Amino acid sequence: MRKTFHLCAVTAVLLSVTVMASTKSLKPASPNASSPDQAQIKRGKYLAEEVARCSECHTPRDAKGNLDNSRALQGAPVWIVPVHPDQHWAQQAPPLAGFAAYSESDGEAILEKGQGPNGVLIRPPMHIYHLNHQDAVDIIAYLRSVPSSTR
C-alpha cells in the first residue's frame, strides 16, 4: 500500500511539473489576436514601398511628375503607356490606402494569384504577383494602416 501511495504521489508531482512547464511556454493571447502587429505592418510597408513599388502607380503625381505623398496610395491616373496598343491597359490605378474597397480574400487573390475581385485577371500595367500568403497578409495589413484620405 505504501508503494502504491508513493507511486501515486510521484506521478502527481510529475504531472504537475509537466502541466506547469507546458503552460509557461504558451504565450498569453493578445486582447485582439486578429489585428496585425507593428512588425507585420512594417514588413508590409517594406514590401509595398520598396519591393512592389505600389506608390509609383497608385499615388497621384504633381505637375512636375513627382509623387504627391500627401495623397499616398489614394489612386491615380496611370502615367505609363504601353509600347503597343493594349485594350486591356488600365487607365486608372485604384486607391489602396485603407484597403476599404477590398476584403481580405480579395487582397490575397490579387497578390497571390493576380486575380481581381471580379474573378478576372488584373489588368496591365499592374504586375501579376505570385506572393506567398504571409507576404500578401503583411502588405494588406500595411495598406489597411494607411489613411484612406489625408484631406
N, C-alpha and C. Protein backbone atom coordinates (compact mmCIF):
# COMPACT_ATOMS: atom_id res chain seq x y z
N MET A 1 0.82 -1.18 0.00
CA MET A 1 0.00 0.00 0.00
C MET A 1 0.87 1.26 0.00
N ARG A 2 1.96 1.17 0.78
CA ARG A 2 2.85 2.30 0.85
C ARG A 2 3.50 2.56 -0.50
N LYS A 3 3.85 1.48 -1.24
CA LYS A 3 4.44 1.62 -2.58
C LYS A 3 3.44 2.27 -3.53
N THR A 4 2.18 1.89 -3.45
CA THR A 4 1.16 2.45 -4.32
C THR A 4 0.98 3.93 -4.03
N PHE A 5 0.96 4.31 -2.74
CA PHE A 5 0.81 5.71 -2.38
C PHE A 5 2.01 6.51 -2.90
N HIS A 6 3.22 5.95 -2.71
CA HIS A 6 4.44 6.63 -3.17
C HIS A 6 4.42 6.80 -4.70
N LEU A 7 4.01 5.77 -5.43
CA LEU A 7 3.93 5.83 -6.89
C LEU A 7 2.90 6.88 -7.33
N CYS A 8 1.75 6.94 -6.67
CA CYS A 8 0.73 7.94 -6.99
C CYS A 8 1.24 9.34 -6.71
N ALA A 9 1.97 9.52 -5.60
CA ALA A 9 2.49 10.84 -5.25
C ALA A 9 3.52 11.29 -6.29
N VAL A 10 4.41 10.40 -6.68
CA VAL A 10 5.43 10.74 -7.68
C VAL A 10 4.75 11.07 -9.01
N THR A 11 3.78 10.29 -9.41
CA THR A 11 3.06 10.54 -10.65
C THR A 11 2.36 11.90 -10.61
N ALA A 12 1.75 12.23 -9.49
CA ALA A 12 1.06 13.51 -9.35
C ALA A 12 2.04 14.67 -9.46
N VAL A 13 3.22 14.53 -8.83
CA VAL A 13 4.24 15.58 -8.89
C VAL A 13 4.73 15.74 -10.33
N LEU A 14 5.03 14.63 -11.00
CA LEU A 14 5.50 14.69 -12.38
C LEU A 14 4.44 15.32 -13.30
N LEU A 15 3.21 14.94 -13.11
CA LEU A 15 2.13 15.51 -13.91
C LEU A 15 2.00 17.00 -13.66
N SER A 16 2.11 17.43 -12.40
CA SER A 16 2.03 18.86 -12.07
C SER A 16 3.17 19.64 -12.72
N VAL A 17 4.38 19.09 -12.65
CA VAL A 17 5.54 19.76 -13.26
C VAL A 17 5.36 19.86 -14.77
N THR A 18 4.87 18.80 -15.41
CA THR A 18 4.65 18.80 -16.85
C THR A 18 3.62 19.85 -17.25
N VAL A 19 2.53 19.93 -16.52
CA VAL A 19 1.48 20.90 -16.82
C VAL A 19 2.02 22.31 -16.62
N MET A 20 2.74 22.56 -15.54
CA MET A 20 3.29 23.89 -15.29
C MET A 20 4.28 24.28 -16.38
N ALA A 21 5.12 23.35 -16.79
CA ALA A 21 6.11 23.67 -17.83
C ALA A 21 5.44 23.97 -19.16
N SER A 22 4.39 23.20 -19.48
CA SER A 22 3.72 23.43 -20.77
C SER A 22 2.94 24.74 -20.78
N THR A 23 2.37 25.14 -19.66
CA THR A 23 1.63 26.40 -19.65
C THR A 23 2.57 27.59 -19.63
N LYS A 24 3.77 27.44 -19.10
CA LYS A 24 4.74 28.53 -19.12
C LYS A 24 5.21 28.83 -20.54
N SER A 25 5.28 27.81 -21.38
CA SER A 25 5.78 28.01 -22.74
C SER A 25 4.72 28.61 -23.66
N LEU A 26 3.46 28.59 -23.23
CA LEU A 26 2.40 29.17 -24.05
C LEU A 26 2.37 30.67 -23.86
N LYS A 27 2.22 31.41 -24.95
CA LYS A 27 2.09 32.85 -24.87
C LYS A 27 0.65 33.19 -24.53
N PRO A 28 0.44 34.19 -23.69
CA PRO A 28 -0.94 34.59 -23.45
C PRO A 28 -1.51 35.21 -24.72
N ALA A 29 -2.76 34.97 -24.95
CA ALA A 29 -3.41 35.53 -26.15
C ALA A 29 -3.49 37.04 -26.02
N SER A 30 -3.20 37.72 -27.09
CA SER A 30 -3.31 39.18 -27.07
C SER A 30 -4.79 39.54 -27.07
N PRO A 31 -5.13 40.72 -26.55
CA PRO A 31 -6.54 41.11 -26.48
C PRO A 31 -7.22 41.09 -27.83
N ASN A 32 -6.49 41.44 -28.90
CA ASN A 32 -7.08 41.44 -30.23
C ASN A 32 -6.15 40.64 -31.15
N ALA A 33 -6.19 39.32 -31.02
CA ALA A 33 -5.24 38.45 -31.72
C ALA A 33 -5.31 38.57 -33.23
N SER A 34 -6.44 39.00 -33.78
CA SER A 34 -6.56 39.06 -35.23
C SER A 34 -5.99 40.35 -35.82
N SER A 35 -5.70 41.34 -34.99
CA SER A 35 -5.17 42.58 -35.54
C SER A 35 -3.67 42.45 -35.78
N PRO A 36 -3.17 43.08 -36.83
CA PRO A 36 -1.76 42.96 -37.16
C PRO A 36 -0.90 43.70 -36.14
N ASP A 37 0.30 43.19 -35.91
CA ASP A 37 1.21 43.89 -35.02
C ASP A 37 2.07 44.85 -35.82
N GLN A 38 2.81 45.68 -35.13
CA GLN A 38 3.62 46.71 -35.80
C GLN A 38 4.70 46.10 -36.68
N ALA A 39 5.25 44.95 -36.29
CA ALA A 39 6.28 44.31 -37.12
C ALA A 39 5.68 43.85 -38.45
N GLN A 40 4.46 43.36 -38.41
CA GLN A 40 3.78 42.92 -39.64
C GLN A 40 3.51 44.11 -40.55
N ILE A 41 3.06 45.21 -39.99
CA ILE A 41 2.79 46.42 -40.78
C ILE A 41 4.09 46.96 -41.35
N LYS A 42 5.15 46.96 -40.56
CA LYS A 42 6.46 47.45 -41.02
C LYS A 42 6.97 46.59 -42.18
N ARG A 43 6.83 45.29 -42.07
CA ARG A 43 7.26 44.40 -43.15
C ARG A 43 6.41 44.61 -44.40
N GLY A 44 5.09 44.78 -44.20
CA GLY A 44 4.20 45.05 -45.32
C GLY A 44 4.55 46.36 -46.01
N LYS A 45 4.91 47.36 -45.22
CA LYS A 45 5.32 48.65 -45.79
C LYS A 45 6.57 48.48 -46.64
N TYR A 46 7.54 47.73 -46.13
CA TYR A 46 8.76 47.48 -46.90
C TYR A 46 8.42 46.79 -48.22
N LEU A 47 7.60 45.76 -48.17
CA LEU A 47 7.24 45.02 -49.38
C LEU A 47 6.49 45.91 -50.37
N ALA A 48 5.54 46.70 -49.88
CA ALA A 48 4.72 47.55 -50.75
C ALA A 48 5.52 48.72 -51.33
N GLU A 49 6.36 49.34 -50.50
CA GLU A 49 7.05 50.54 -50.94
C GLU A 49 8.40 50.27 -51.62
N GLU A 50 9.15 49.31 -51.12
CA GLU A 50 10.49 49.10 -51.65
C GLU A 50 10.59 47.95 -52.65
N VAL A 51 9.73 46.98 -52.55
CA VAL A 51 9.79 45.83 -53.46
C VAL A 51 8.78 45.98 -54.59
N ALA A 52 7.50 46.04 -54.25
CA ALA A 52 6.45 46.13 -55.28
C ALA A 52 6.32 47.54 -55.84
N ARG A 53 6.76 48.54 -55.07
CA ARG A 53 6.72 49.95 -55.50
C ARG A 53 5.30 50.40 -55.84
N CYS A 54 4.34 50.05 -55.00
CA CYS A 54 2.92 50.37 -55.23
C CYS A 54 2.68 51.86 -55.47
N SER A 55 3.42 52.70 -54.75
CA SER A 55 3.22 54.15 -54.87
C SER A 55 3.45 54.68 -56.27
N GLU A 56 4.31 54.05 -57.03
CA GLU A 56 4.63 54.53 -58.37
C GLU A 56 3.39 54.70 -59.24
N CYS A 57 2.41 53.85 -59.07
CA CYS A 57 1.19 53.94 -59.89
C CYS A 57 -0.03 54.37 -59.08
N HIS A 58 -0.07 54.02 -57.80
CA HIS A 58 -1.28 54.25 -57.00
C HIS A 58 -1.27 55.57 -56.24
N THR A 59 -0.21 56.37 -56.40
CA THR A 59 -0.12 57.69 -55.76
C THR A 59 -0.14 58.75 -56.85
N PRO A 60 -1.01 59.76 -56.71
CA PRO A 60 -1.04 60.83 -57.72
C PRO A 60 0.30 61.57 -57.80
N ARG A 61 0.53 62.21 -58.93
CA ARG A 61 1.75 62.99 -59.15
C ARG A 61 1.40 64.46 -59.25
N ASP A 62 2.38 65.29 -58.93
CA ASP A 62 2.17 66.74 -59.07
C ASP A 62 2.46 67.17 -60.51
N ALA A 63 2.40 68.47 -60.76
CA ALA A 63 2.59 69.00 -62.11
C ALA A 63 3.98 68.69 -62.68
N LYS A 64 4.95 68.47 -61.79
CA LYS A 64 6.32 68.18 -62.24
C LYS A 64 6.56 66.67 -62.40
N GLY A 65 5.54 65.88 -62.13
CA GLY A 65 5.68 64.42 -62.26
C GLY A 65 6.18 63.73 -61.01
N ASN A 66 6.34 64.48 -59.91
CA ASN A 66 6.78 63.89 -58.65
C ASN A 66 5.59 63.32 -57.90
N LEU A 67 5.82 62.26 -57.14
CA LEU A 67 4.76 61.67 -56.33
C LEU A 67 4.24 62.69 -55.33
N ASP A 68 2.94 62.79 -55.21
CA ASP A 68 2.31 63.67 -54.22
C ASP A 68 2.05 62.83 -52.97
N ASN A 69 3.05 62.77 -52.10
CA ASN A 69 2.96 61.90 -50.92
C ASN A 69 1.91 62.35 -49.92
N SER A 70 1.36 63.55 -50.08
CA SER A 70 0.25 63.95 -49.21
C SER A 70 -1.01 63.16 -49.58
N ARG A 71 -0.99 62.51 -50.74
CA ARG A 71 -2.12 61.67 -51.18
C ARG A 71 -1.64 60.25 -51.48
N ALA A 72 -0.75 59.76 -50.64
CA ALA A 72 -0.13 58.45 -50.84
C ALA A 72 -1.17 57.35 -51.00
N LEU A 73 -1.02 56.60 -52.07
CA LEU A 73 -1.84 55.41 -52.36
C LEU A 73 -3.33 55.72 -52.47
N GLN A 74 -3.67 56.95 -52.86
CA GLN A 74 -5.06 57.37 -52.98
C GLN A 74 -5.66 57.05 -54.36
N GLY A 75 -4.88 56.41 -55.22
CA GLY A 75 -5.34 56.13 -56.58
C GLY A 75 -4.88 57.25 -57.50
N ALA A 76 -4.64 56.91 -58.76
CA ALA A 76 -4.11 57.92 -59.68
C ALA A 76 -4.29 57.48 -61.12
N PRO A 77 -4.28 58.45 -62.05
CA PRO A 77 -4.27 58.08 -63.46
C PRO A 77 -2.97 57.33 -63.77
N VAL A 78 -3.05 56.34 -64.62
CA VAL A 78 -1.86 55.58 -65.00
C VAL A 78 -1.05 56.41 -65.99
N TRP A 79 0.19 56.69 -65.64
CA TRP A 79 1.04 57.53 -66.47
C TRP A 79 1.90 56.72 -67.43
N ILE A 80 1.96 55.43 -67.21
CA ILE A 80 2.74 54.55 -68.08
C ILE A 80 1.88 54.19 -69.28
N VAL A 81 2.46 54.21 -70.46
CA VAL A 81 1.71 53.82 -71.66
C VAL A 81 2.35 52.58 -72.28
N PRO A 82 1.54 51.72 -72.86
CA PRO A 82 2.11 50.51 -73.46
C PRO A 82 2.87 50.84 -74.75
N VAL A 83 3.84 50.02 -75.06
CA VAL A 83 4.61 50.19 -76.30
C VAL A 83 3.69 49.97 -77.50
N HIS A 84 2.85 48.95 -77.41
CA HIS A 84 1.88 48.64 -78.46
C HIS A 84 0.48 48.81 -77.86
N PRO A 85 -0.47 49.30 -78.62
CA PRO A 85 -1.83 49.48 -78.08
C PRO A 85 -2.34 48.19 -77.40
N ASP A 86 -2.97 48.38 -76.26
CA ASP A 86 -3.48 47.25 -75.48
C ASP A 86 -4.85 47.65 -74.92
N GLN A 87 -5.91 47.02 -75.42
CA GLN A 87 -7.26 47.37 -74.99
C GLN A 87 -7.51 47.04 -73.52
N HIS A 88 -6.67 46.21 -72.92
CA HIS A 88 -6.85 45.83 -71.53
C HIS A 88 -6.07 46.73 -70.57
N TRP A 89 -5.28 47.64 -71.10
CA TRP A 89 -4.45 48.51 -70.28
C TRP A 89 -5.32 49.40 -69.40
N ALA A 90 -5.06 49.39 -68.10
CA ALA A 90 -5.83 50.21 -67.17
C ALA A 90 -5.45 51.68 -67.33
N GLN A 91 -6.43 52.54 -67.23
CA GLN A 91 -6.20 53.98 -67.31
C GLN A 91 -6.12 54.62 -65.92
N GLN A 92 -6.58 53.90 -64.91
CA GLN A 92 -6.62 54.42 -63.55
C GLN A 92 -6.15 53.34 -62.58
N ALA A 93 -5.23 53.70 -61.69
CA ALA A 93 -4.81 52.79 -60.62
C ALA A 93 -5.73 53.05 -59.43
N PRO A 94 -6.38 52.03 -58.91
CA PRO A 94 -7.35 52.26 -57.83
C PRO A 94 -6.67 52.66 -56.51
N PRO A 95 -7.43 53.31 -55.63
CA PRO A 95 -6.86 53.64 -54.32
C PRO A 95 -6.60 52.38 -53.51
N LEU A 96 -5.47 52.38 -52.82
CA LEU A 96 -5.12 51.25 -51.95
C LEU A 96 -5.12 51.65 -50.48
N ALA A 97 -4.98 52.94 -50.21
CA ALA A 97 -4.92 53.42 -48.83
C ALA A 97 -6.19 53.01 -48.08
N GLY A 98 -5.98 52.39 -46.93
CA GLY A 98 -7.11 51.92 -46.12
C GLY A 98 -7.66 50.58 -46.58
N PHE A 99 -7.41 50.24 -47.83
CA PHE A 99 -7.83 48.97 -48.42
C PHE A 99 -9.32 48.72 -48.24
N ALA A 100 -10.09 49.81 -48.20
CA ALA A 100 -11.53 49.73 -47.89
C ALA A 100 -12.35 49.04 -48.98
N ALA A 101 -11.92 49.15 -50.23
CA ALA A 101 -12.72 48.60 -51.33
C ALA A 101 -12.54 47.08 -51.48
N TYR A 102 -11.67 46.51 -50.67
CA TYR A 102 -11.32 45.10 -50.84
C TYR A 102 -11.45 44.34 -49.52
N SER A 103 -11.86 43.09 -49.64
CA SER A 103 -11.87 42.21 -48.47
C SER A 103 -10.48 41.59 -48.35
N GLU A 104 -10.27 40.91 -47.24
CA GLU A 104 -9.01 40.20 -47.03
C GLU A 104 -8.79 39.18 -48.16
N SER A 105 -9.83 38.43 -48.49
CA SER A 105 -9.68 37.40 -49.53
C SER A 105 -9.48 38.03 -50.91
N ASP A 106 -10.08 39.21 -51.17
CA ASP A 106 -9.81 39.92 -52.43
C ASP A 106 -8.33 40.25 -52.54
N GLY A 107 -7.78 40.82 -51.47
CA GLY A 107 -6.37 41.20 -51.46
C GLY A 107 -5.46 40.01 -51.64
N GLU A 108 -5.79 38.92 -50.98
CA GLU A 108 -4.97 37.71 -51.11
C GLU A 108 -5.02 37.18 -52.54
N ALA A 109 -6.19 37.18 -53.16
CA ALA A 109 -6.30 36.71 -54.55
C ALA A 109 -5.52 37.60 -55.51
N ILE A 110 -5.58 38.92 -55.29
CA ILE A 110 -4.84 39.85 -56.14
C ILE A 110 -3.34 39.60 -56.01
N LEU A 111 -2.85 39.52 -54.78
CA LEU A 111 -1.41 39.44 -54.55
C LEU A 111 -0.83 38.04 -54.73
N GLU A 112 -1.63 37.02 -54.51
CA GLU A 112 -1.12 35.65 -54.63
C GLU A 112 -1.38 35.03 -55.99
N LYS A 113 -2.46 35.48 -56.68
CA LYS A 113 -2.84 34.84 -57.95
C LYS A 113 -2.97 35.81 -59.11
N GLY A 114 -2.98 37.11 -58.82
CA GLY A 114 -3.19 38.09 -59.88
C GLY A 114 -4.64 38.16 -60.33
N GLN A 115 -5.54 37.71 -59.48
CA GLN A 115 -6.96 37.67 -59.81
C GLN A 115 -7.70 38.78 -59.09
N GLY A 116 -8.42 39.63 -59.85
CA GLY A 116 -9.15 40.74 -59.28
C GLY A 116 -10.39 40.29 -58.55
N PRO A 117 -11.02 41.22 -57.81
CA PRO A 117 -12.23 40.90 -57.06
C PRO A 117 -13.38 40.40 -57.93
N ASN A 118 -13.34 40.76 -59.21
CA ASN A 118 -14.39 40.32 -60.14
C ASN A 118 -14.10 38.95 -60.73
N GLY A 119 -13.00 38.32 -60.29
CA GLY A 119 -12.66 36.99 -60.76
C GLY A 119 -11.82 36.99 -62.04
N VAL A 120 -11.56 38.16 -62.59
CA VAL A 120 -10.78 38.29 -63.83
C VAL A 120 -9.35 38.68 -63.47
N LEU A 121 -8.39 38.27 -64.29
CA LEU A 121 -7.01 38.66 -64.05
C LEU A 121 -6.89 40.17 -64.02
N ILE A 122 -6.03 40.66 -63.14
CA ILE A 122 -5.84 42.11 -63.06
C ILE A 122 -5.23 42.62 -64.36
N ARG A 123 -5.50 43.90 -64.63
CA ARG A 123 -5.11 44.48 -65.92
C ARG A 123 -3.73 45.11 -65.86
N PRO A 124 -3.01 45.06 -66.97
CA PRO A 124 -1.73 45.76 -67.03
C PRO A 124 -1.97 47.26 -66.94
N PRO A 125 -1.04 48.00 -66.45
CA PRO A 125 0.35 47.66 -66.18
C PRO A 125 0.58 47.01 -64.82
N MET A 126 -0.48 46.72 -64.05
CA MET A 126 -0.30 46.04 -62.77
C MET A 126 0.36 44.69 -63.01
N HIS A 127 1.39 44.43 -62.23
CA HIS A 127 2.09 43.15 -62.33
C HIS A 127 1.24 42.06 -61.71
N ILE A 128 1.33 40.88 -62.25
CA ILE A 128 0.68 39.74 -61.63
C ILE A 128 1.71 39.12 -60.69
N TYR A 129 1.47 39.33 -59.41
CA TYR A 129 2.37 38.80 -58.39
C TYR A 129 1.91 37.41 -57.98
N HIS A 130 2.85 36.61 -57.56
CA HIS A 130 2.56 35.28 -57.01
C HIS A 130 3.23 35.22 -55.63
N LEU A 131 2.78 36.13 -54.76
CA LEU A 131 3.37 36.23 -53.44
C LEU A 131 2.97 35.05 -52.57
N ASN A 132 3.82 34.75 -51.59
CA ASN A 132 3.40 33.74 -50.63
C ASN A 132 2.36 34.38 -49.71
N HIS A 133 1.64 33.55 -49.01
CA HIS A 133 0.50 34.03 -48.23
C HIS A 133 0.90 35.07 -47.19
N GLN A 134 1.99 34.83 -46.46
CA GLN A 134 2.38 35.77 -45.40
C GLN A 134 2.76 37.13 -45.97
N ASP A 135 3.43 37.16 -47.12
CA ASP A 135 3.76 38.44 -47.76
C ASP A 135 2.47 39.20 -48.10
N ALA A 136 1.50 38.50 -48.66
CA ALA A 136 0.22 39.14 -49.00
C ALA A 136 -0.47 39.68 -47.76
N VAL A 137 -0.51 38.91 -46.71
CA VAL A 137 -1.16 39.33 -45.45
C VAL A 137 -0.46 40.56 -44.88
N ASP A 138 0.87 40.59 -44.93
CA ASP A 138 1.61 41.73 -44.40
C ASP A 138 1.37 42.99 -45.23
N ILE A 139 1.33 42.86 -46.54
CA ILE A 139 1.05 44.03 -47.39
C ILE A 139 -0.36 44.55 -47.12
N ILE A 140 -1.32 43.66 -47.00
CA ILE A 140 -2.70 44.07 -46.72
C ILE A 140 -2.76 44.79 -45.37
N ALA A 141 -2.04 44.28 -44.36
CA ALA A 141 -2.01 44.93 -43.05
C ALA A 141 -1.46 46.35 -43.18
N TYR A 142 -0.40 46.51 -43.96
CA TYR A 142 0.17 47.85 -44.17
C TYR A 142 -0.84 48.75 -44.88
N LEU A 143 -1.43 48.27 -45.98
CA LEU A 143 -2.36 49.10 -46.74
C LEU A 143 -3.55 49.52 -45.88
N ARG A 144 -4.02 48.65 -45.02
CA ARG A 144 -5.12 49.00 -44.12
C ARG A 144 -4.70 50.08 -43.12
N SER A 145 -3.40 50.15 -42.82
CA SER A 145 -2.91 51.13 -41.85
C SER A 145 -2.72 52.53 -42.46
N VAL A 146 -2.71 52.62 -43.79
CA VAL A 146 -2.50 53.90 -44.45
C VAL A 146 -3.83 54.67 -44.46
N PRO A 147 -3.80 55.93 -44.02
CA PRO A 147 -5.05 56.72 -44.02
C PRO A 147 -5.67 56.78 -45.41
N SER A 148 -6.97 56.53 -45.49
CA SER A 148 -7.62 56.49 -46.81
C SER A 148 -7.85 57.87 -47.38
N SER A 149 -7.79 58.88 -46.56
CA SER A 149 -7.91 60.25 -47.09
C SER A 149 -7.13 61.17 -46.17
N THR A 150 -6.26 61.94 -46.75
CA THR A 150 -5.46 62.85 -45.95
C THR A 150 -5.97 64.28 -46.06
N ARG A 151 -7.06 64.46 -46.74
CA ARG A 151 -7.59 65.83 -46.91
C ARG A 151 -8.95 65.94 -46.29
